[in-house]
Protein backbone atom coordinates (compact mmCIF):
# COMPACT_ATOMS: atom_id res chain seq x y z
CA MET A 1 21.81 -38.55 -10.55
CA LYS A 2 20.01 -35.75 -8.31
CA GLU A 3 17.57 -33.82 -10.31
CA LEU A 4 14.90 -30.71 -10.33
CA CYS A 5 12.17 -31.02 -12.57
CA SER A 6 8.73 -28.65 -12.87
CA TYR A 7 5.89 -30.29 -14.76
CA GLN A 8 2.63 -28.37 -15.27
CA VAL A 9 -0.47 -30.26 -14.82
CA HIS A 10 -3.68 -29.62 -16.08
CA PHE A 11 -7.01 -31.18 -13.89
CA SER A 12 -10.35 -31.93 -15.48
CA LYS A 13 -12.04 -31.55 -12.09
CA PRO A 14 -11.06 -30.84 -8.56
CA LEU A 15 -9.03 -33.40 -6.02
CA LYS A 16 -11.45 -35.32 -3.39
CA THR A 17 -10.01 -35.92 -0.31
CA ASN A 18 -9.16 -39.92 -1.24
CA GLN A 19 -6.47 -38.45 -4.01
CA ILE A 20 -5.12 -35.44 -1.93
CA MET A 21 -4.59 -38.41 0.69
CA LYS A 22 -2.57 -40.78 -2.28
CA LEU A 23 -0.27 -37.41 -3.18
CA TYR A 24 0.62 -37.38 0.44
CA LYS A 25 1.65 -41.23 1.28
CA LEU A 26 3.25 -41.08 -1.86
CA ALA A 27 5.49 -37.90 -0.70
CA GLY A 28 5.92 -39.67 2.43
CA LYS A 29 7.22 -43.20 0.91
CA THR A 30 9.90 -41.38 -1.39
CA GLN A 31 12.75 -39.52 -0.30
CA HIS A 32 11.95 -36.58 -2.65
CA HIS A 33 11.12 -33.02 -2.19
CA MET A 34 7.52 -32.57 -3.89
CA TYR A 35 6.01 -29.02 -3.78
CA ILE A 36 2.48 -27.63 -5.85
CA HIS A 37 2.77 -24.14 -7.08
CA GLN A 38 0.18 -22.04 -8.13
CA GLY A 39 0.15 -17.82 -8.42
CA LYS A 40 0.23 -17.54 -4.39
CA LEU A 41 0.16 -20.78 -3.25
CA ILE A 42 2.38 -23.10 -2.84
CA ALA A 43 2.63 -26.44 -0.75
CA ASP A 44 4.85 -29.21 0.30
CA THR A 45 3.31 -32.28 -0.44
CA GLY A 46 4.88 -34.26 3.07
CA HIS A 47 2.73 -31.86 4.70
CA LEU A 48 -1.20 -32.59 5.11
CA PRO A 49 -2.64 -28.95 6.25
CA LYS A 50 -1.24 -27.59 4.12
CA LEU A 51 -1.61 -29.25 0.96
CA LEU A 52 -5.86 -29.63 1.97
CA SER A 53 -5.79 -25.70 1.81
CA PHE A 54 -4.30 -25.95 -1.09
CA SER A 55 -6.29 -28.07 -2.49
CA LEU A 56 -9.47 -25.80 -0.89
CA LEU A 57 -8.12 -22.82 -2.67
CA MET A 58 -6.84 -24.10 -6.31
CA ASP A 59 -8.56 -22.66 -9.48
CA MET A 60 -9.43 -25.19 -11.29
CA ASP A 61 -8.98 -23.04 -14.44
CA THR A 62 -5.17 -22.46 -14.15
CA PRO A 63 -2.90 -25.18 -14.37
CA VAL A 64 -0.76 -26.22 -11.40
CA VAL A 65 3.35 -26.57 -11.32
CA PHE A 66 4.57 -30.11 -9.35
CA ILE A 67 8.37 -29.18 -8.09
CA ILE A 68 10.07 -32.87 -7.33
CA ASP A 69 13.40 -32.85 -5.59
CA GLY A 70 15.86 -35.97 -6.09
CA GLU A 71 16.91 -39.37 -7.81
CA ASP A 72 14.93 -40.72 -10.87
CA VAL A 73 12.34 -37.66 -10.82
CA GLU A 74 10.50 -39.11 -14.17
CA LYS A 75 9.60 -41.86 -12.65
CA VAL A 76 8.12 -40.65 -9.11
CA PHE A 77 6.20 -37.50 -11.65
CA GLU A 78 4.62 -40.88 -13.50
CA GLU A 79 3.80 -42.40 -10.24
CA ILE A 80 1.56 -39.51 -9.16
CA LYS A 81 0.05 -39.06 -13.20
CA GLY A 82 -1.43 -42.67 -12.69
CA SER A 83 -2.51 -42.23 -9.33
CA LEU A 84 -4.63 -39.33 -9.93
CA SER A 85 -5.15 -40.06 -13.69
CA ASP A 86 -9.33 -40.01 -13.47
CA TYR A 87 -8.25 -36.20 -12.84
CA ILE A 88 -5.88 -34.94 -14.53
CA ASP A 89 -6.46 -33.26 -18.35
CA HIS A 90 -2.68 -33.19 -19.38
CA THR A 91 0.56 -32.85 -18.48
CA ILE A 92 3.48 -30.93 -19.95
CA CYS A 93 7.65 -31.00 -18.25
CA ARG A 94 8.18 -27.24 -17.22
CA ARG A 95 12.31 -27.34 -16.58
CA LYS A 96 14.66 -30.14 -15.90
CA TYR A 97 18.16 -29.84 -14.16
CA ASN A 98 20.07 -32.44 -13.40
CA ASP A 99 23.32 -32.19 -10.99
CA ALA A 100 25.73 -30.39 -13.13
CA MET A 101 23.38 -27.92 -13.85
CA MET A 102 22.05 -27.50 -11.04
CA VAL A 103 26.10 -26.65 -9.35
CA ASN A 104 26.69 -24.24 -12.02
CA GLU A 105 23.53 -21.94 -11.50
CA THR A 106 22.97 -19.70 -9.08
CA SER A 107 19.39 -19.81 -9.10
CA VAL A 108 16.95 -21.64 -11.41
CA THR A 109 13.72 -21.01 -13.11
CA ILE A 110 10.75 -23.58 -12.22
């Protein structure tokens, strides 16, 4: 079943380039649409230059929101958490929508 979920992630330390590459490679191997959002910044995790720029400009004192769209989103987020576990302080699932909810909604809050 197709889902759209957003997760709030608090990082304990800045991401290194190899962690950004792991995130980029994960985005490339799945059929999901994944974005990172913070304040006025947003990046498609499948677009390396934007992802690198995002990591340089992000504020470590403010949580980041991961937005994931596709099948079995929770499994993908668990994979993200696993690959970045040394850098993540804690996470919160903000919103979760399934197919039926998205069809009936004209817009969704992430």
